Amino acid sequence: MVLIVRCFKCGQQDVRLIVGGRSIIHARCHSCGANLLEEVMEFEAEIEAAATGSLHTTAEHQAVSRPSKDTSSLEEKTSTVVTDDEP
């Protein structure tokens, strides 16, 4: 399927978007010549790299993910385990 859509770089309605199945096969603006599919894929890769890198390295994330010291006492207070004692 071929769709004609607007270019996010130059604003012209001149991007030929070729879709095959569930994926975009080709997306190039014929006015400015930009390969939009390549640019979007690079942008997504940068966003994923930034998200995965920053989540695991920030001190704030490490502080949030670190368990508190009094977790065991909390578990004892909220435990509802009932055991059957046999005579």
PDB file of N, CA and C in Angstrom:
ATOM      1  N   MET A   1       0.840  -1.149   0.000  1.00  0.00           N
ATOM      2  CA  MET A   1       0.000   0.000   0.000  1.00  0.00           C
ATOM      3  C   MET A   1       0.904   1.237   0.000  1.00  0.00           C
ATOM      4  N   VAL A   2       0.538   2.221  -0.765  1.00  0.00           N
ATOM      5  CA  VAL A   2       1.291   3.472  -0.844  1.00  0.00           C
ATOM      6  C   VAL A   2       0.412   4.606  -0.326  1.00  0.00           C
ATOM      7  N   LEU A   3       0.952   5.368   0.616  1.00  0.00           N
ATOM      8  CA  LEU A   3       0.250   6.524   1.161  1.00  0.00           C
ATOM      9  C   LEU A   3       1.092   7.761   0.906  1.00  0.00           C
ATOM     10  N   ILE A   4       0.440   8.880   0.659  1.00  0.00           N
ATOM     11  CA  ILE A   4       1.134  10.156   0.518  1.00  0.00           C
ATOM     12  C   ILE A   4       0.828  10.958   1.781  1.00  0.00           C
ATOM     13  N   VAL A   5       1.881  11.309   2.521  1.00  0.00           N
ATOM     14  CA  VAL A   5       1.715  12.028   3.785  1.00  0.00           C
ATOM     15  C   VAL A   5       2.607  13.260   3.806  1.00  0.00           C
ATOM     16  N   ARG A   6       2.428  14.089   4.831  1.00  0.00           N
ATOM     17  CA  ARG A   6       3.181  15.338   4.976  1.00  0.00           C
ATOM     18  C   ARG A   6       4.543  15.069   5.601  1.00  0.00           C
ATOM     19  N   CYS A   7       5.562  15.741   5.089  1.00  0.00           N
ATOM     20  CA  CYS A   7       6.931  15.631   5.593  1.00  0.00           C
ATOM     21  C   CYS A   7       7.060  16.438   6.879  1.00  0.00           C
ATOM     22  N   PHE A   8       7.657  15.852   7.912  1.00  0.00           N
ATOM     23  CA  PHE A   8       7.837  16.586   9.164  1.00  0.00           C
ATOM     24  C   PHE A   8       9.047  17.501   9.114  1.00  0.00           C
ATOM     25  N   LYS A   9       9.835  17.445   8.039  1.00  0.00           N
ATOM     26  CA  LYS A   9      10.995  18.330   7.916  1.00  0.00           C
ATOM     27  C   LYS A   9      10.668  19.583   7.109  1.00  0.00           C
ATOM     28  N   CYS A  10      10.073  19.401   5.914  1.00  0.00           N
ATOM     29  CA  CYS A  10       9.816  20.560   5.056  1.00  0.00           C
ATOM     30  C   CYS A  10       8.345  20.969   5.022  1.00  0.00           C
ATOM     31  N   GLY A  11       7.447  20.117   5.510  1.00  0.00           N
ATOM     32  CA  GLY A  11       6.037  20.456   5.573  1.00  0.00           C
ATOM     33  C   GLY A  11       5.241  20.177   4.307  1.00  0.00           C
ATOM     34  N   GLN A  12       5.885  19.707   3.256  1.00  0.00           N
ATOM     35  CA  GLN A  12       5.184  19.427   2.003  1.00  0.00           C
ATOM     36  C   GLN A  12       4.460  18.082   2.072  1.00  0.00           C
ATOM     37  N   GLN A  13       3.329  17.999   1.405  1.00  0.00           N
ATOM     38  CA  GLN A  13       2.561  16.756   1.324  1.00  0.00           C
ATOM     39  C   GLN A  13       3.147  15.925   0.184  1.00  0.00           C
ATOM     40  N   ASP A  14       4.390  15.461   0.371  1.00  0.00           N
ATOM     41  CA  ASP A  14       5.097  14.806  -0.722  1.00  0.00           C
ATOM     42  C   ASP A  14       5.926  13.611  -0.252  1.00  0.00           C
ATOM     43  N   VAL A  15       5.522  12.988   0.851  1.00  0.00           N
ATOM     44  CA  VAL A  15       6.233  11.804   1.336  1.00  0.00           C
ATOM     45  C   VAL A  15       5.494  10.577   0.841  1.00  0.00           C
ATOM     46  N   ARG A  16       6.206   9.743   0.122  1.00  0.00           N
ATOM     47  CA  ARG A  16       5.640   8.473  -0.327  1.00  0.00           C
ATOM     48  C   ARG A  16       5.957   7.445   0.745  1.00  0.00           C
ATOM     49  N   LEU A  17       4.922   6.988   1.417  1.00  0.00           N
ATOM     50  CA  LEU A  17       5.042   6.031   2.507  1.00  0.00           C
ATOM     51  C   LEU A  17       4.575   4.682   1.982  1.00  0.00           C
ATOM     52  N   ILE A  18       5.489   3.731   1.895  1.00  0.00           N
ATOM     53  CA  ILE A  18       5.154   2.404   1.385  1.00  0.00           C
ATOM     54  C   ILE A  18       5.068   1.452   2.573  1.00  0.00           C
ATOM     55  N   VAL A  19       3.881   0.865   2.746  1.00  0.00           N
ATOM     56  CA  VAL A  19       3.613  -0.016   3.876  1.00  0.00           C
ATOM     57  C   VAL A  19       3.425  -1.431   3.362  1.00  0.00           C
ATOM     58  N   GLY A  20       4.106  -2.372   4.012  1.00  0.00           N
ATOM     59  CA  GLY A  20       3.962  -3.780   3.666  1.00  0.00           C
ATOM     60  C   GLY A  20       3.641  -4.581   4.911  1.00  0.00           C
ATOM     61  N   GLY A  21       2.463  -5.160   4.975  1.00  0.00           N
ATOM     62  CA  GLY A  21       2.065  -5.886   6.182  1.00  0.00           C
ATOM     63  C   GLY A  21       1.854  -4.918   7.323  1.00  0.00           C
ATOM     64  N   ARG A  22       2.640  -5.091   8.399  1.00  0.00           N
ATOM     65  CA  ARG A  22       2.532  -4.205   9.561  1.00  0.00           C
ATOM     66  C   ARG A  22       3.710  -3.263   9.678  1.00  0.00           C
ATOM     67  N   SER A  23       4.563  -3.215   8.681  1.00  0.00           N
ATOM     68  CA  SER A  23       5.752  -2.366   8.798  1.00  0.00           C
ATOM     69  C   SER A  23       5.868  -1.399   7.627  1.00  0.00           C
ATOM     70  N   ILE A  24       6.550  -0.302   7.896  1.00  0.00           N
ATOM     71  CA  ILE A  24       6.822   0.689   6.859  1.00  0.00           C
ATOM     72  C   ILE A  24       8.089   0.260   6.136  1.00  0.00           C
ATOM     73  N   ILE A  25       8.018   0.159   4.838  1.00  0.00           N
ATOM     74  CA  ILE A  25       9.151  -0.294   4.037  1.00  0.00           C
ATOM     75  C   ILE A  25       9.967   0.887   3.522  1.00  0.00           C
ATOM     76  N   HIS A  26       9.283   1.972   3.178  1.00  0.00           N
ATOM     77  CA  HIS A  26       9.961   3.111   2.553  1.00  0.00           C
ATOM     78  C   HIS A  26       9.231   4.391   2.936  1.00  0.00           C
ATOM     79  N   ALA A  27       9.981   5.431   3.262  1.00  0.00           N
ATOM     80  CA  ALA A  27       9.388   6.740   3.554  1.00  0.00           C
ATOM     81  C   ALA A  27      10.398   7.803   3.165  1.00  0.00           C
ATOM     82  N   ARG A  28      10.216   8.379   1.982  1.00  0.00           N
ATOM     83  CA  ARG A  28      11.135   9.407   1.502  1.00  0.00           C
ATOM     84  C   ARG A  28      10.331  10.588   0.983  1.00  0.00           C
ATOM     85  N   CYS A  29      10.777  11.790   1.369  1.00  0.00           N
ATOM     86  CA  CYS A  29      10.138  13.006   0.891  1.00  0.00           C
ATOM     87  C   CYS A  29      10.715  13.335  -0.482  1.00  0.00           C
ATOM     88  N   HIS A  30       9.845  13.529  -1.456  1.00  0.00           N
ATOM     89  CA  HIS A  30      10.314  13.833  -2.805  1.00  0.00           C
ATOM     90  C   HIS A  30      10.562  15.323  -2.999  1.00  0.00           C
ATOM     91  N   SER A  31      10.160  16.157  -2.033  1.00  0.00           N
ATOM     92  CA  SER A  31      10.449  17.591  -2.117  1.00  0.00           C
ATOM     93  C   SER A  31      11.835  17.911  -1.576  1.00  0.00           C
ATOM     94  N   CYS A  32      12.136  17.433  -0.367  1.00  0.00           N
ATOM     95  CA  CYS A  32      13.439  17.761   0.234  1.00  0.00           C
ATOM     96  C   CYS A  32      14.428  16.601   0.174  1.00  0.00           C
ATOM     97  N   GLY A  33      13.980  15.412  -0.223  1.00  0.00           N
ATOM     98  CA  GLY A  33      14.876  14.267  -0.382  1.00  0.00           C
ATOM     99  C   GLY A  33      15.230  13.547   0.908  1.00  0.00           C
ATOM    100  N   ALA A  34      14.583  13.887   2.017  1.00  0.00           N
ATOM    101  CA  ALA A  34      14.914  13.270   3.301  1.00  0.00           C
ATOM    102  C   ALA A  34      14.408  11.836   3.362  1.00  0.00           C
ATOM    103  N   ASN A  35      15.274  10.946   3.868  1.00  0.00           N
ATOM    104  CA  ASN A  35      14.869   9.567   4.120  1.00  0.00           C
ATOM    105  C   ASN A  35      14.278   9.531   5.526  1.00  0.00           C
ATOM    106  N   LEU A  36      12.979   9.712   5.620  1.00  0.00           N
ATOM    107  CA  LEU A  36      12.319   9.862   6.910  1.00  0.00           C
ATOM    108  C   LEU A  36      12.293   8.571   7.709  1.00  0.00           C
ATOM    109  N   LEU A  37      12.216   7.443   7.044  1.00  0.00           N
ATOM    110  CA  LEU A  37      12.212   6.168   7.755  1.00  0.00           C
ATOM    111  C   LEU A  37      13.524   5.977   8.508  1.00  0.00           C
ATOM    112  N   GLU A  38      14.627   6.262   7.853  1.00  0.00           N
ATOM    113  CA  GLU A  38      15.943   6.133   8.485  1.00  0.00           C
ATOM    114  C   GLU A  38      16.079   7.096   9.665  1.00  0.00           C
ATOM    115  N   GLU A  39      15.620   8.323   9.489  1.00  0.00           N
ATOM    116  CA  GLU A  39      15.724   9.314  10.559  1.00  0.00           C
ATOM    117  C   GLU A  39      14.871   8.934  11.767  1.00  0.00           C
ATOM    118  N   VAL A  40      13.681   8.429  11.523  1.00  0.00           N
ATOM    119  CA  VAL A  40      12.808   8.026  12.626  1.00  0.00           C
ATOM    120  C   VAL A  40      13.399   6.823  13.355  1.00  0.00           C
ATOM    121  N   MET A  41      13.963   5.869  12.617  1.00  0.00           N
ATOM    122  CA  MET A  41      14.570   4.700  13.251  1.00  0.00           C
ATOM    123  C   MET A  41      15.781   5.101  14.095  1.00  0.00           C
ATOM    124  N   GLU A  42      16.590   6.037  13.608  1.00  0.00           N
ATOM    125  CA  GLU A  42      17.734   6.527  14.380  1.00  0.00           C
ATOM    126  C   GLU A  42      17.261   7.246  15.641  1.00  0.00           C
ATOM    127  N   PHE A  43      16.210   8.045  15.502  1.00  0.00           N
ATOM    128  CA  PHE A  43      15.655   8.771  16.648  1.00  0.00           C
ATOM    129  C   PHE A  43      15.142   7.795  17.711  1.00  0.00           C
ATOM    130  N   GLU A  44      14.418   6.747  17.280  1.00  0.00           N
ATOM    131  CA  GLU A  44      13.911   5.749  18.218  1.00  0.00           C
ATOM    132  C   GLU A  44      15.054   5.033  18.927  1.00  0.00           C
ATOM    133  N   ALA A  45      16.124   4.715  18.192  1.00  0.00           N
ATOM    134  CA  ALA A  45      17.279   4.046  18.801  1.00  0.00           C
ATOM    135  C   ALA A  45      17.937   4.941  19.846  1.00  0.00           C
ATOM    136  N   GLU A  46      18.052   6.237  19.559  1.00  0.00           N
ATOM    137  CA  GLU A  46      18.631   7.179  20.523  1.00  0.00           C
ATOM    138  C   GLU A  46      17.770   7.279  21.779  1.00  0.00           C
ATOM    139  N   ILE A  47      16.456   7.330  21.596  1.00  0.00           N
ATOM    140  CA  ILE A  47      15.540   7.426  22.732  1.00  0.00           C
ATOM    141  C   ILE A  47      15.634   6.170  23.598  1.00  0.00           C
ATOM    142  N   GLU A  48      15.656   4.991  22.967  1.00  0.00           N
ATOM    143  CA  GLU A  48      15.762   3.744  23.724  1.00  0.00           C
ATOM    144  C   GLU A  48      17.075   3.675  24.484  1.00  0.00           C
ATOM    145  N   ALA A  49      18.171   4.081  23.832  1.00  0.00           N
ATOM    146  CA  ALA A  49      19.479   4.046  24.490  1.00  0.00           C
ATOM    147  C   ALA A  49      19.512   5.008  25.669  1.00  0.00           C
ATOM    148  N   ALA A  50      18.941   6.180  25.496  1.00  0.00           N
ATOM    149  CA  ALA A  50      18.920   7.160  26.582  1.00  0.00           C
ATOM    150  C   ALA A  50      18.048   6.671  27.733  1.00  0.00           C
ATOM    151  N   ALA A  51      16.926   6.059  27.412  1.00  0.00           N
ATOM    152  CA  ALA A  51      16.013   5.587  28.456  1.00  0.00           C
ATOM    153  C   ALA A  51      16.621   4.432  29.239  1.00  0.00           C
ATOM    154  N   THR A  52      17.194   3.472  28.577  1.00  0.00           N
ATOM    155  CA  THR A  52      17.755   2.327  29.289  1.00  0.00           C
ATOM    156  C   THR A  52      19.030   2.698  30.011  1.00  0.00           C
ATOM    157  N   GLY A  53      19.812   3.589  29.469  1.00  0.00           N
ATOM    158  CA  GLY A  53      21.050   4.002  30.123  1.00  0.00           C
ATOM    159  C   GLY A  53      20.800   4.868  31.331  1.00  0.00           C
ATOM    160  N   SER A  54      19.855   5.786  31.246  1.00  0.00           N
ATOM    161  CA  SER A  54      19.635   6.716  32.350  1.00  0.00           C
ATOM    162  C   SER A  54      18.865   6.081  33.494  1.00  0.00           C
ATOM    163  N   LEU A  55      18.004   5.129  33.219  1.00  0.00           N
ATOM    164  CA  LEU A  55      17.222   4.530  34.288  1.00  0.00           C
ATOM    165  C   LEU A  55      18.079   3.725  35.251  1.00  0.00           C
ATOM    166  N   HIS A  56      19.130   3.130  34.763  1.00  0.00           N
ATOM    167  CA  HIS A  56      19.929   2.258  35.608  1.00  0.00           C
ATOM    168  C   HIS A  56      21.135   2.957  36.209  1.00  0.00           C
ATOM    169  N   THR A  57      21.420   4.170  35.801  1.00  0.00           N
ATOM    170  CA  THR A  57      22.631   4.816  36.286  1.00  0.00           C
ATOM    171  C   THR A  57      22.375   5.995  37.212  1.00  0.00           C
ATOM    172  N   THR A  58      21.167   6.483  37.277  1.00  0.00           N
ATOM    173  CA  THR A  58      20.939   7.655  38.123  1.00  0.00           C
ATOM    174  C   THR A  58      20.862   7.254  39.587  1.00  0.00           C
ATOM    175  N   ALA A  59      21.337   8.125  40.442  1.00  0.00           N
ATOM    176  CA  ALA A  59      21.302   7.873  41.882  1.00  0.00           C
ATOM    177  C   ALA A  59      19.867   7.818  42.383  1.00  0.00           C
ATOM    178  N   GLU A  60      18.989   8.620  41.765  1.00  0.00           N
ATOM    179  CA  GLU A  60      17.586   8.631  42.172  1.00  0.00           C
ATOM    180  C   GLU A  60      16.953   7.267  41.942  1.00  0.00           C
ATOM    181  N   HIS A  61      17.222   6.652  40.792  1.00  0.00           N
ATOM    182  CA  HIS A  61      16.659   5.338  40.495  1.00  0.00           C
ATOM    183  C   HIS A  61      17.217   4.292  41.446  1.00  0.00           C
ATOM    184  N   GLN A  62      18.513   4.365  41.739  1.00  0.00           N
ATOM    185  CA  GLN A  62      19.115   3.398  42.648  1.00  0.00           C
ATOM    186  C   GLN A  62      18.527   3.530  44.046  1.00  0.00           C
ATOM    187  N   ALA A  63      18.252   4.751  44.481  1.00  0.00           N
ATOM    188  CA  ALA A  63      17.667   4.961  45.806  1.00  0.00           C
ATOM    189  C   ALA A  63      16.249   4.418  45.868  1.00  0.00           C
ATOM    190  N   VAL A  64      15.498   4.586  44.789  1.00  0.00           N
ATOM    191  CA  VAL A  64      14.123   4.099  44.759  1.00  0.00           C
ATOM    192  C   VAL A  64      14.093   2.585  44.703  1.00  0.00           C
ATOM    193  N   SER A  65      14.997   1.977  43.951  1.00  0.00           N
ATOM    194  CA  SER A  65      14.969   0.535  43.777  1.00  0.00           C
ATOM    195  C   SER A  65      15.633  -0.217  44.920  1.00  0.00           C
ATOM    196  N   ARG A  66      16.345   0.467  45.795  1.00  0.00           N
ATOM    197  CA  ARG A  66      17.012  -0.169  46.928  1.00  0.00           C
ATOM    198  C   ARG A  66      15.969  -0.516  47.994  1.00  0.00           C
ATOM    199  N   PRO A  67      15.940  -1.761  48.478  1.00  0.00           N
ATOM    200  CA  PRO A  67      14.959  -2.116  49.511  1.00  0.00           C
ATOM    201  C   PRO A  67      15.291  -1.440  50.831  1.00  0.00           C
ATOM    202  N   SER A  68      14.269  -1.133  51.595  1.00  0.00           N
ATOM    203  CA  SER A  68      14.500  -0.501  52.892  1.00  0.00           C
ATOM    204  C   SER A  68      15.040  -1.530  53.876  1.00  0.00           C
ATOM    205  N   LYS A  69      15.647  -1.049  54.953  1.00  0.00           N
ATOM    206  CA  LYS A  69      16.282  -1.938  55.921  1.00  0.00           C
ATOM    207  C   LYS A  69      15.260  -2.663  56.792  1.00  0.00           C
ATOM    208  N   ASP A  70      14.095  -2.078  57.004  1.00  0.00           N
ATOM    209  CA  ASP A  70      13.117  -2.684  57.905  1.00  0.00           C
ATOM    210  C   ASP A  70      12.039  -3.475  57.172  1.00  0.00           C
ATOM    211  N   THR A  71      12.371  -4.045  56.038  1.00  0.00           N
ATOM    212  CA  THR A  71      11.405  -4.817  55.264  1.00  0.00           C
ATOM    213  C   THR A  71      10.987  -6.076  56.006  1.00  0.00           C
ATOM    214  N   SER A  72      11.905  -6.732  56.698  1.00  0.00           N
ATOM    215  CA  SER A  72      11.569  -7.978  57.391  1.00  0.00           C
ATOM    216  C   SER A  72      10.529  -7.749  58.483  1.00  0.00           C
ATOM    217  N   SER A  73      10.644  -6.668  59.239  1.00  0.00           N
ATOM    218  CA  SER A  73       9.662  -6.401  60.288  1.00  0.00           C
ATOM    219  C   SER A  73       8.296  -6.081  59.688  1.00  0.00           C
ATOM    220  N   LEU A  74       8.276  -5.433  58.541  1.00  0.00           N
ATOM    221  CA  LEU A  74       7.021  -5.141  57.858  1.00  0.00           C
ATOM    222  C   LEU A  74       6.362  -6.434  57.407  1.00  0.00           C
ATOM    223  N   GLU A  75       7.159  -7.367  56.902  1.00  0.00           N
ATOM    224  CA  GLU A  75       6.616  -8.653  56.478  1.00  0.00           C
ATOM    225  C   GLU A  75       6.031  -9.411  57.661  1.00  0.00           C
ATOM    226  N   GLU A  76       6.693  -9.351  58.816  1.00  0.00           N
ATOM    227  CA  GLU A  76       6.185 -10.038  59.999  1.00  0.00           C
ATOM    228  C   GLU A  76       4.865  -9.435  60.460  1.00  0.00           C
ATOM    229  N   LYS A  77       4.733  -8.127  60.387  1.00  0.00           N
ATOM    230  CA  LYS A  77       3.520  -7.449  60.834  1.00  0.00           C
ATOM    231  C   LYS A  77       2.336  -7.718  59.916  1.00  0.00           C
ATOM    232  N   THR A  78       2.597  -7.884  58.628  1.00  0.00           N
ATOM    233  CA  THR A  78       1.507  -8.039  57.670  1.00  0.00           C
ATOM    234  C   THR A  78       1.289  -9.477  57.244  1.00  0.00           C
ATOM    235  N   SER A  79       2.026 -10.412  57.788  1.00  0.00           N
ATOM    236  CA  SER A  79       1.906 -11.807  57.391  1.00  0.00           C
ATOM    237  C   SER A  79       0.588 -12.387  57.883  1.00  0.00           C
ATOM    238  N   THR A  80      -0.070 -13.151  57.026  1.00  0.00           N
ATOM    239  CA  THR A  80      -1.335 -13.785  57.397  1.00  0.00           C
ATOM    240  C   THR A  80      -1.241 -15.296  57.269  1.00  0.00           C
ATOM    241  N   VAL A  81      -0.060 -15.832  57.382  1.00  0.00           N
ATOM    242  CA  VAL A  81       0.128 -17.270  57.248  1.00  0.00           C
ATOM    243  C   VAL A  81      -0.374 -17.951  58.514  1.00  0.00           C
ATOM    244  N   VAL A  82      -1.218 -18.954  58.339  1.00  0.00           N
ATOM    245  CA  VAL A  82      -1.756 -19.712  59.465  1.00  0.00           C
ATOM    246  C   VAL A  82      -1.238 -21.130  59.343  1.00  0.00           C
ATOM    247  N   THR A  83      -0.664 -21.647  60.416  1.00  0.00           N
ATOM    248  CA  THR A  83      -0.155 -23.017  60.395  1.00  0.00           C
ATOM    249  C   THR A  83      -1.053 -23.894  61.253  1.00  0.00           C
ATOM    250  N   ASP A  84      -1.197 -25.123  60.841  1.00  0.00           N
ATOM    251  CA  ASP A  84      -1.979 -26.099  61.604  1.00  0.00           C
ATOM    252  C   ASP A  84      -1.023 -26.889  62.483  1.00  0.00           C
ATOM    253  N   ASP A  85      -1.247 -26.833  63.773  1.00  0.00           N
ATOM    254  CA  ASP A  85      -0.428 -27.613  64.702  1.00  0.00           C
ATOM    255  C   ASP A  85      -1.142 -28.930  64.971  1.00  0.00           C
ATOM    256  N   GLU A  86      -0.455 -30.033  64.706  1.00  0.00           N
ATOM    257  CA  GLU A  86      -1.049 -31.347  64.954  1.00  0.00           C
ATOM    258  C   GLU A  86      -0.722 -31.787  66.373  1.00  0.00           C
ATOM    259  N   PRO A  87      -1.683 -32.399  67.098  1.00  0.00           N
ATOM    260  CA  PRO A  87      -1.431 -32.838  68.481  1.00  0.00           C
ATOM    261  C   PRO A  87      -0.520 -34.044  68.550  1.00  0.00           C
TER     262      PRO A  87
END
